[in-house]
Full PDB file with SEQRES, HELIX, SHEET, SSBOND, CRYST1, ORIGX, SCALE, CONECT and MASTER records, all heavy atoms in Angstrom:
SEQRES   1 A   29  THR GLN LEU LYS PHE GLN VAL GLU TYR TYR LYS ARG LEU          
SEQRES   2 A   29  ALA PHE GLY GLN LYS ARG GLU ARG PHE GLU GLY ASP LYS          
SEQRES   3 A   29  ASP GLN MET                                                  
HELIX    1 AA1 GLN A    2  PHE A   15  1                                  14    
CRYST1    1.000    1.000    1.000  90.00  90.00  90.00 P 1           1          
ORIGX1      1.000000  0.000000  0.000000        0.00000                         
ORIGX2      0.000000  1.000000  0.000000        0.00000                         
ORIGX3      0.000000  0.000000  1.000000        0.00000                         
SCALE1      1.000000  0.000000  0.000000        0.00000                         
SCALE2      0.000000  1.000000  0.000000        0.00000                         
SCALE3      0.000000  0.000000  1.000000        0.00000                         
ATOM      1  N   THR A   1       0.836  -1.206   0.000  1.00  0.00           N  
ATOM      2  CA  THR A   1       0.000   0.000   0.000  1.00  0.00           C  
ATOM      3  C   THR A   1       0.869   1.253   0.000  1.00  0.00           C  
ATOM      4  O   THR A   1       0.596   2.202  -0.736  1.00  0.00           O  
ATOM      5  CB  THR A   1      -0.927  -0.004   1.231  1.00  0.00           C  
ATOM      6  OG1 THR A   1      -1.712  -1.196   1.216  1.00  0.00           O  
ATOM      7  CG2 THR A   1      -1.845   1.196   1.241  1.00  0.00           C  
ATOM      8  N   GLN A   2       1.929   1.251   0.808  1.00  0.00           N  
ATOM      9  CA  GLN A   2       2.819   2.410   0.857  1.00  0.00           C  
ATOM     10  C   GLN A   2       3.522   2.616  -0.484  1.00  0.00           C  
ATOM     11  O   GLN A   2       3.649   3.750  -0.954  1.00  0.00           O  
ATOM     12  CB  GLN A   2       3.854   2.238   1.962  1.00  0.00           C  
ATOM     13  CG  GLN A   2       3.290   2.334   3.361  1.00  0.00           C  
ATOM     14  CD  GLN A   2       4.318   2.033   4.428  1.00  0.00           C  
ATOM     15  OE1 GLN A   2       5.423   1.593   4.136  1.00  0.00           O  
ATOM     16  NE2 GLN A   2       3.952   2.254   5.681  1.00  0.00           N  
ATOM     17  N   LEU A   3       3.958   1.538  -1.103  1.00  0.00           N  
ATOM     18  CA  LEU A   3       4.643   1.659  -2.388  1.00  0.00           C  
ATOM     19  C   LEU A   3       3.691   2.139  -3.480  1.00  0.00           C  
ATOM     20  O   LEU A   3       4.077   2.938  -4.332  1.00  0.00           O  
ATOM     21  CB  LEU A   3       5.277   0.324  -2.778  1.00  0.00           C  
ATOM     22  CG  LEU A   3       6.459  -0.103  -1.909  1.00  0.00           C  
ATOM     23  CD1 LEU A   3       6.919  -1.504  -2.287  1.00  0.00           C  
ATOM     24  CD2 LEU A   3       7.596   0.879  -2.011  1.00  0.00           C  
ATOM     25  N   LYS A   4       2.446   1.673  -3.453  1.00  0.00           N  
ATOM     26  CA  LYS A   4       1.455   2.159  -4.424  1.00  0.00           C  
ATOM     27  C   LYS A   4       1.237   3.656  -4.252  1.00  0.00           C  
ATOM     28  O   LYS A   4       1.113   4.394  -5.230  1.00  0.00           O  
ATOM     29  CB  LYS A   4       0.130   1.417  -4.247  1.00  0.00           C  
ATOM     30  CG  LYS A   4       0.124   0.040  -4.840  1.00  0.00           C  
ATOM     31  CD  LYS A   4      -1.249  -0.605  -4.666  1.00  0.00           C  
ATOM     32  CE  LYS A   4      -1.272  -2.011  -5.228  1.00  0.00           C  
ATOM     33  NZ  LYS A   4      -2.592  -2.634  -5.029  1.00  0.00           N  
ATOM     34  N   PHE A   5       1.173   4.119  -3.005  1.00  0.00           N  
ATOM     35  CA  PHE A   5       0.998   5.550  -2.742  1.00  0.00           C  
ATOM     36  C   PHE A   5       2.178   6.340  -3.310  1.00  0.00           C  
ATOM     37  O   PHE A   5       1.986   7.390  -3.925  1.00  0.00           O  
ATOM     38  CB  PHE A   5       0.861   5.780  -1.234  1.00  0.00           C  
ATOM     39  CG  PHE A   5       0.730   7.228  -0.865  1.00  0.00           C  
ATOM     40  CD1 PHE A   5      -0.478   7.888  -1.035  1.00  0.00           C  
ATOM     41  CD2 PHE A   5       1.810   7.939  -0.363  1.00  0.00           C  
ATOM     42  CE1 PHE A   5      -0.600   9.227  -0.712  1.00  0.00           C  
ATOM     43  CE2 PHE A   5       1.692   9.270  -0.035  1.00  0.00           C  
ATOM     44  CZ  PHE A   5       0.482   9.909  -0.206  1.00  0.00           C  
ATOM     45  N   GLN A   6       3.407   5.830  -3.102  1.00  0.00           N  
ATOM     46  CA  GLN A   6       4.582   6.520  -3.626  1.00  0.00           C  
ATOM     47  C   GLN A   6       4.563   6.563  -5.151  1.00  0.00           C  
ATOM     48  O   GLN A   6       4.895   7.593  -5.750  1.00  0.00           O  
ATOM     49  CB  GLN A   6       5.858   5.823  -3.159  1.00  0.00           C  
ATOM     50  CG  GLN A   6       6.185   6.076  -1.712  1.00  0.00           C  
ATOM     51  CD  GLN A   6       7.467   5.372  -1.291  1.00  0.00           C  
ATOM     52  OE1 GLN A   6       8.020   4.574  -2.030  1.00  0.00           O  
ATOM     53  NE2 GLN A   6       7.927   5.667  -0.089  1.00  0.00           N  
ATOM     54  N   VAL A   7       4.181   5.474  -5.788  1.00  0.00           N  
ATOM     55  CA  VAL A   7       4.124   5.443  -7.249  1.00  0.00           C  
ATOM     56  C   VAL A   7       3.122   6.468  -7.751  1.00  0.00           C  
ATOM     57  O   VAL A   7       3.396   7.212  -8.702  1.00  0.00           O  
ATOM     58  CB  VAL A   7       3.778   4.025  -7.756  1.00  0.00           C  
ATOM     59  CG1 VAL A   7       3.399   4.041  -9.224  1.00  0.00           C  
ATOM     60  CG2 VAL A   7       4.942   3.083  -7.519  1.00  0.00           C  
ATOM     61  N   GLU A   8       1.954   6.539  -7.130  1.00  0.00           N  
ATOM     62  CA  GLU A   8       0.951   7.523  -7.538  1.00  0.00           C  
ATOM     63  C   GLU A   8       1.469   8.947  -7.350  1.00  0.00           C  
ATOM     64  O   GLU A   8       1.232   9.811  -8.181  1.00  0.00           O  
ATOM     65  CB  GLU A   8      -0.351   7.317  -6.750  1.00  0.00           C  
ATOM     66  CG  GLU A   8      -1.094   6.059  -7.121  1.00  0.00           C  
ATOM     67  CD  GLU A   8      -1.497   6.028  -8.584  1.00  0.00           C  
ATOM     68  OE1 GLU A   8      -1.936   7.066  -9.120  1.00  0.00           O  
ATOM     69  OE2 GLU A   8      -1.352   4.961  -9.202  1.00  0.00           O  
ATOM     70  N   TYR A   9       2.183   9.177  -6.253  1.00  0.00           N  
ATOM     71  CA  TYR A   9       2.756  10.508  -5.997  1.00  0.00           C  
ATOM     72  C   TYR A   9       3.740  10.888  -7.100  1.00  0.00           C  
ATOM     73  O   TYR A   9       3.692  11.989  -7.639  1.00  0.00           O  
ATOM     74  CB  TYR A   9       3.441  10.513  -4.631  1.00  0.00           C  
ATOM     75  CG  TYR A   9       4.215  11.775  -4.349  1.00  0.00           C  
ATOM     76  CD1 TYR A   9       3.557  12.951  -4.004  1.00  0.00           C  
ATOM     77  CD2 TYR A   9       5.598  11.802  -4.438  1.00  0.00           C  
ATOM     78  CE1 TYR A   9       4.251  14.114  -3.759  1.00  0.00           C  
ATOM     79  CE2 TYR A   9       6.308  12.961  -4.189  1.00  0.00           C  
ATOM     80  CZ  TYR A   9       5.627  14.115  -3.850  1.00  0.00           C  
ATOM     81  OH  TYR A   9       6.333  15.264  -3.599  1.00  0.00           O  
ATOM     82  N   TYR A  10       4.640   9.964  -7.452  1.00  0.00           N  
ATOM     83  CA  TYR A  10       5.628  10.268  -8.484  1.00  0.00           C  
ATOM     84  C   TYR A  10       4.985  10.379  -9.863  1.00  0.00           C  
ATOM     85  O   TYR A  10       5.454  11.145 -10.699  1.00  0.00           O  
ATOM     86  CB  TYR A  10       6.755   9.231  -8.473  1.00  0.00           C  
ATOM     87  CG  TYR A  10       7.641   9.385  -7.263  1.00  0.00           C  
ATOM     88  CD1 TYR A  10       7.829   8.343  -6.368  1.00  0.00           C  
ATOM     89  CD2 TYR A  10       8.273  10.591  -6.989  1.00  0.00           C  
ATOM     90  CE1 TYR A  10       8.631   8.492  -5.246  1.00  0.00           C  
ATOM     91  CE2 TYR A  10       9.070  10.757  -5.876  1.00  0.00           C  
ATOM     92  CZ  TYR A  10       9.244   9.699  -5.015  1.00  0.00           C  
ATOM     93  OH  TYR A  10      10.030   9.861  -3.906  1.00  0.00           O  
ATOM     94  N   LYS A  11       3.909   9.649 -10.106  1.00  0.00           N  
ATOM     95  CA  LYS A  11       3.186   9.812 -11.371  1.00  0.00           C  
ATOM     96  C   LYS A  11       2.585  11.208 -11.457  1.00  0.00           C  
ATOM     97  O   LYS A  11       2.617  11.840 -12.510  1.00  0.00           O  
ATOM     98  CB  LYS A  11       2.072   8.766 -11.492  1.00  0.00           C  
ATOM     99  CG  LYS A  11       2.526   7.416 -11.941  1.00  0.00           C  
ATOM    100  CD  LYS A  11       1.317   6.507 -12.099  1.00  0.00           C  
ATOM    101  CE  LYS A  11       1.701   5.119 -12.521  1.00  0.00           C  
ATOM    102  NZ  LYS A  11       0.520   4.241 -12.619  1.00  0.00           N  
ATOM    103  N   ARG A  12       2.020  11.657 -10.337  1.00  0.00           N  
ATOM    104  CA  ARG A  12       1.450  13.014 -10.339  1.00  0.00           C  
ATOM    105  C   ARG A  12       2.533  14.050 -10.568  1.00  0.00           C  
ATOM    106  O   ARG A  12       2.321  15.042 -11.258  1.00  0.00           O  
ATOM    107  CB  ARG A  12       0.723  13.288  -9.021  1.00  0.00           C  
ATOM    108  CG  ARG A  12      -0.633  12.641  -8.920  1.00  0.00           C  
ATOM    109  CD  ARG A  12      -1.442  13.180  -7.751  1.00  0.00           C  
ATOM    110  NE  ARG A  12      -0.783  13.044  -6.469  1.00  0.00           N  
ATOM    111  CZ  ARG A  12      -0.860  11.969  -5.680  1.00  0.00           C  
ATOM    112  NH1 ARG A  12      -1.558  10.938  -6.059  1.00  0.00           N  
ATOM    113  NH2 ARG A  12      -0.232  11.938  -4.529  1.00  0.00           N  
ATOM    114  N   LEU A  13       3.716  13.831  -9.966  1.00  0.00           N  
ATOM    115  CA  LEU A  13       4.817  14.779 -10.188  1.00  0.00           C  
ATOM    116  C   LEU A  13       5.256  14.790 -11.643  1.00  0.00           C  
ATOM    117  O   LEU A  13       5.502  15.844 -12.226  1.00  0.00           O  
ATOM    118  CB  LEU A  13       6.021  14.400  -9.321  1.00  0.00           C  
ATOM    119  CG  LEU A  13       6.008  14.845  -7.882  1.00  0.00           C  
ATOM    120  CD1 LEU A  13       7.288  14.384  -7.181  1.00  0.00           C  
ATOM    121  CD2 LEU A  13       5.874  16.339  -7.739  1.00  0.00           C  
ATOM    122  N   ALA A  14       5.359  13.605 -12.237  1.00  0.00           N  
ATOM    123  CA  ALA A  14       5.886  13.516 -13.596  1.00  0.00           C  
ATOM    124  C   ALA A  14       4.851  13.899 -14.642  1.00  0.00           C  
ATOM    125  O   ALA A  14       5.167  14.590 -15.608  1.00  0.00           O  
ATOM    126  CB  ALA A  14       6.383  12.094 -13.861  1.00  0.00           C  
ATOM    127  N   PHE A  15       3.614  13.461 -14.469  1.00  0.00           N  
ATOM    128  CA  PHE A  15       2.623  13.623 -15.527  1.00  0.00           C  
ATOM    129  C   PHE A  15       1.471  14.543 -15.150  1.00  0.00           C  
ATOM    130  O   PHE A  15       0.600  14.791 -15.972  1.00  0.00           O  
ATOM    131  CB  PHE A  15       2.045  12.254 -15.913  1.00  0.00           C  
ATOM    132  CG  PHE A  15       3.097  11.274 -16.322  1.00  0.00           C  
ATOM    133  CD1 PHE A  15       3.356  10.163 -15.544  1.00  0.00           C  
ATOM    134  CD2 PHE A  15       3.847  11.472 -17.465  1.00  0.00           C  
ATOM    135  CE1 PHE A  15       4.330   9.243 -15.910  1.00  0.00           C  
ATOM    136  CE2 PHE A  15       4.823  10.570 -17.838  1.00  0.00           C  
ATOM    137  CZ  PHE A  15       5.063   9.462 -17.064  1.00  0.00           C  
ATOM    138  N   GLY A  16       1.449  15.029 -13.926  1.00  0.00           N  
ATOM    139  CA  GLY A  16       0.339  15.854 -13.478  1.00  0.00           C  
ATOM    140  C   GLY A  16       0.376  17.247 -14.070  1.00  0.00           C  
ATOM    141  O   GLY A  16       1.329  17.657 -14.725  1.00  0.00           O  
ATOM    142  N   GLN A  17      -0.699  17.966 -13.826  1.00  0.00           N  
ATOM    143  CA  GLN A  17      -0.798  19.328 -14.342  1.00  0.00           C  
ATOM    144  C   GLN A  17       0.217  20.210 -13.636  1.00  0.00           C  
ATOM    145  O   GLN A  17       0.365  20.168 -12.421  1.00  0.00           O  
ATOM    146  CB  GLN A  17      -2.210  19.849 -14.095  1.00  0.00           C  
ATOM    147  CG  GLN A  17      -2.482  21.187 -14.709  1.00  0.00           C  
ATOM    148  CD  GLN A  17      -3.918  21.622 -14.489  1.00  0.00           C  
ATOM    149  OE1 GLN A  17      -4.566  21.167 -13.565  1.00  0.00           O  
ATOM    150  NE2 GLN A  17      -4.391  22.514 -15.318  1.00  0.00           N  
ATOM    151  N   LYS A  18       0.917  21.003 -14.403  1.00  0.00           N  
ATOM    152  CA  LYS A  18       1.926  21.884 -13.838  1.00  0.00           C  
ATOM    153  C   LYS A  18       1.555  23.328 -14.146  1.00  0.00           C  
ATOM    154  O   LYS A  18       1.259  23.669 -15.279  1.00  0.00           O  
ATOM    155  CB  LYS A  18       3.300  21.575 -14.434  1.00  0.00           C  
ATOM    156  CG  LYS A  18       3.809  20.199 -14.075  1.00  0.00           C  
ATOM    157  CD  LYS A  18       5.069  19.899 -14.841  1.00  0.00           C  
ATOM    158  CE  LYS A  18       5.592  18.541 -14.524  1.00  0.00           C  
ATOM    159  NZ  LYS A  18       4.747  17.450 -14.965  1.00  0.00           N  
ATOM    160  N   ARG A  19       1.574  24.130 -13.139  1.00  0.00           N  
ATOM    161  CA  ARG A  19       1.354  25.554 -13.345  1.00  0.00           C  
ATOM    162  C   ARG A  19       2.070  26.310 -12.234  1.00  0.00           C  
ATOM    163  O   ARG A  19       2.132  25.861 -11.109  1.00  0.00           O  
ATOM    164  CB  ARG A  19      -0.118  25.906 -13.389  1.00  0.00           C  
ATOM    165  CG  ARG A  19      -0.878  25.605 -12.100  1.00  0.00           C  
ATOM    166  CD  ARG A  19      -2.277  26.088 -12.230  1.00  0.00           C  
ATOM    167  NE  ARG A  19      -3.148  24.922 -12.267  1.00  0.00           N  
ATOM    168  CZ  ARG A  19      -4.394  24.936 -11.873  1.00  0.00           C  
ATOM    169  NH1 ARG A  19      -4.932  26.044 -11.460  1.00  0.00           N  
ATOM    170  NH2 ARG A  19      -5.122  23.862 -11.907  1.00  0.00           N  
ATOM    171  N   GLU A  20       2.594  27.419 -12.620  1.00  0.00           N  
ATOM    172  CA  GLU A  20       3.265  28.256 -11.635  1.00  0.00           C  
ATOM    173  C   GLU A  20       2.449  29.514 -11.444  1.00  0.00           C  
ATOM    174  O   GLU A  20       2.087  30.179 -12.404  1.00  0.00           O  
ATOM    175  CB  GLU A  20       4.666  28.624 -12.113  1.00  0.00           C  
ATOM    176  CG  GLU A  20       5.607  27.445 -12.160  1.00  0.00           C  
ATOM    177  CD  GLU A  20       7.008  27.880 -12.521  1.00  0.00           C  
ATOM    178  OE1 GLU A  20       7.323  29.066 -12.366  1.00  0.00           O  
ATOM    179  OE2 GLU A  20       7.766  27.017 -12.972  1.00  0.00           O  
ATOM    180  N   ARG A  21       2.179  29.790 -10.237  1.00  0.00           N  
ATOM    181  CA  ARG A  21       1.469  31.026  -9.917  1.00  0.00           C  
ATOM    182  C   ARG A  21       2.342  31.824  -8.981  1.00  0.00           C  
ATOM    183  O   ARG A  21       2.866  31.312  -8.005  1.00  0.00           O  
ATOM    184  CB  ARG A  21       0.146  30.729  -9.217  1.00  0.00           C  
ATOM    185  CG  ARG A  21      -0.885  30.139 -10.115  1.00  0.00           C  
ATOM    186  CD  ARG A  21      -2.186  30.066  -9.389  1.00  0.00           C  
ATOM    187  NE  ARG A  21      -3.200  29.494 -10.255  1.00  0.00           N  
ATOM    188  CZ  ARG A  21      -4.438  29.310  -9.904  1.00  0.00           C  
ATOM    189  NH1 ARG A  21      -4.832  29.624  -8.693  1.00  0.00           N  
ATOM    190  NH2 ARG A  21      -5.294  28.786 -10.737  1.00  0.00           N  
ATOM    191  N   PHE A  22       2.498  33.078  -9.325  1.00  0.00           N  
ATOM    192  CA  PHE A  22       3.250  33.952  -8.443  1.00  0.00           C  
ATOM    193  C   PHE A  22       2.420  35.190  -8.213  1.00  0.00           C  
ATOM    194  O   PHE A  22       2.086  35.912  -9.142  1.00  0.00           O  
ATOM    195  CB  PHE A  22       4.601  34.334  -9.048  1.00  0.00           C  
ATOM    196  CG  PHE A  22       5.368  35.276  -8.179  1.00  0.00           C  
ATOM    197  CD1 PHE A  22       5.992  34.815  -7.040  1.00  0.00           C  
ATOM    198  CD2 PHE A  22       5.432  36.613  -8.482  1.00  0.00           C  
ATOM    199  CE1 PHE A  22       6.681  35.679  -6.215  1.00  0.00           C  
ATOM    200  CE2 PHE A  22       6.123  37.483  -7.669  1.00  0.00           C  
ATOM    201  CZ  PHE A  22       6.752  37.014  -6.535  1.00  0.00           C  
ATOM    202  N   GLU A  23       2.069  35.366  -6.988  1.00  0.00           N  
ATOM    203  CA  GLU A  23       1.337  36.576  -6.626  1.00  0.00           C  
ATOM    204  C   GLU A  23       2.273  37.387  -5.742  1.00  0.00           C  
ATOM    205  O   GLU A  23       2.581  37.001  -4.628  1.00  0.00           O  
ATOM    206  CB  GLU A  23       0.056  36.215  -5.889  1.00  0.00           C  
ATOM    207  CG  GLU A  23      -0.911  35.433  -6.759  1.00  0.00           C  
ATOM    208  CD  GLU A  23      -2.147  35.023  -6.002  1.00  0.00           C  
ATOM    209  OE1 GLU A  23      -2.350  35.500  -4.864  1.00  0.00           O  
ATOM    210  OE2 GLU A  23      -2.912  34.229  -6.554  1.00  0.00           O  
ATOM    211  N   GLY A  24       2.746  38.485  -6.277  1.00  0.00           N  
ATOM    212  CA  GLY A  24       3.693  39.319  -5.539  1.00  0.00           C  
ATOM    213  C   GLY A  24       3.036  40.002  -4.356  1.00  0.00           C  
ATOM    214  O   GLY A  24       1.825  40.175  -4.277  1.00  0.00           O  
ATOM    215  N   ASP A  25       3.868  40.417  -3.453  1.00  0.00           N  
ATOM    216  CA  ASP A  25       3.398  41.139  -2.282  1.00  0.00           C  
ATOM    217  C   ASP A  25       3.106  42.574  -2.691  1.00  0.00           C  
ATOM    218  O   ASP A  25       3.968  43.269  -3.233  1.00  0.00           O  
ATOM    219  CB  ASP A  25       4.474  41.086  -1.191  1.00  0.00           C  
ATOM    220  CG  ASP A  25       3.987  41.667   0.117  1.00  0.00           C  
ATOM    221  OD1 ASP A  25       2.792  41.982   0.241  1.00  0.00           O  
ATOM    222  OD2 ASP A  25       4.828  41.794   1.040  1.00  0.00           O  
ATOM    223  N   LYS A  26       1.907  43.025  -2.423  1.00  0.00           N  
ATOM    224  CA  LYS A  26       1.511  44.377  -2.832  1.00  0.00           C  
ATOM    225  C   LYS A  26       2.258  45.448  -2.042  1.00  0.00           C  
ATOM    226  O   LYS A  26       2.423  46.567  -2.507  1.00  0.00           O  
ATOM    227  CB  LYS A  26       0.010  44.563  -2.645  1.00  0.00           C  
ATOM    228  CG  LYS A  26      -0.795  43.674  -3.564  1.00  0.00           C  
ATOM    229  CD  LYS A  26      -2.278  43.814  -3.320  1.00  0.00           C  
ATOM    230  CE  LYS A  26      -3.044  42.858  -4.216  1.00  0.00           C  
ATOM    231  NZ  LYS A  26      -4.457  42.884  -3.952  1.00  0.00           N  
ATOM    232  N   ASP A  27       2.728  45.107  -0.855  1.00  0.00           N  
ATOM    233  CA  ASP A  27       3.423  46.077  -0.012  1.00  0.00           C  
ATOM    234  C   ASP A  27       4.901  46.210  -0.373  1.00  0.00           C  
ATOM    235  O   ASP A  27       5.584  47.099   0.119  1.00  0.00           O  
ATOM    236  CB  ASP A  27       3.307  45.671   1.460  1.00  0.00           C  
ATOM    237  CG  ASP A  27       1.858  45.693   1.930  1.00  0.00           C  
ATOM    238  OD1 ASP A  27       1.076  46.497   1.393  1.00  0.00           O  
ATOM    239  OD2 ASP A  27       1.521  44.892   2.826  1.00  0.00           O  
ATOM    240  N   GLN A  28       5.402  45.319  -1.218  1.00  0.00           N  
ATOM    241  CA  GLN A  28       6.811  45.364  -1.583  1.00  0.00           C  
ATOM    242  C   GLN A  28       7.058  46.506  -2.566  1.00  0.00           C  
ATOM    243  O   GLN A  28       6.281  46.721  -3.486  1.00  0.00           O  
ATOM    244  CB  GLN A  28       7.232  44.036  -2.211  1.00  0.00           C  
ATOM    245  CG  GLN A  28       8.697  43.964  -2.519  1.00  0.00           C  
ATOM    246  CD  GLN A  28       9.077  42.596  -3.078  1.00  0.00           C  
ATOM    247  OE1 GLN A  28       8.233  41.743  -3.234  1.00  0.00           O  
ATOM    248  NE2 GLN A  28      10.346  42.435  -3.371  1.00  0.00           N  
ATOM    249  N   MET A  29       8.168  47.190  -2.374  1.00  0.00           N  
ATOM    250  CA  MET A  29       8.502  48.293  -3.272  1.00  0.00           C  
ATOM    251  C   MET A  29       8.940  47.740  -4.619  1.00  0.00           C  
ATOM    252  O   MET A  29       9.546  46.685  -4.709  1.00  0.00           O  
ATOM    253  CB  MET A  29       9.641  49.134  -2.680  1.00  0.00           C  
ATOM    254  CG  MET A  29       9.258  49.862  -1.409  1.00  0.00           C  
ATOM    255  SD  MET A  29      10.635  50.787  -0.702  1.00  0.00           S  
ATOM    256  CE  MET A  29      11.109  51.829  -2.038  1.00  0.00           C  
TER     257      MET A  29                                                      
MASTER        0    0    0    1    0    0    0    6  256    1    0    3          
END                                                                             
């Protein structure tokens, strides 16, 4: 069960949706 969970985790890392979101701090100069 633990190994299946790890495989699913690595599948999500390799093939999952990837998006980067960066929301800057409004108070930063």
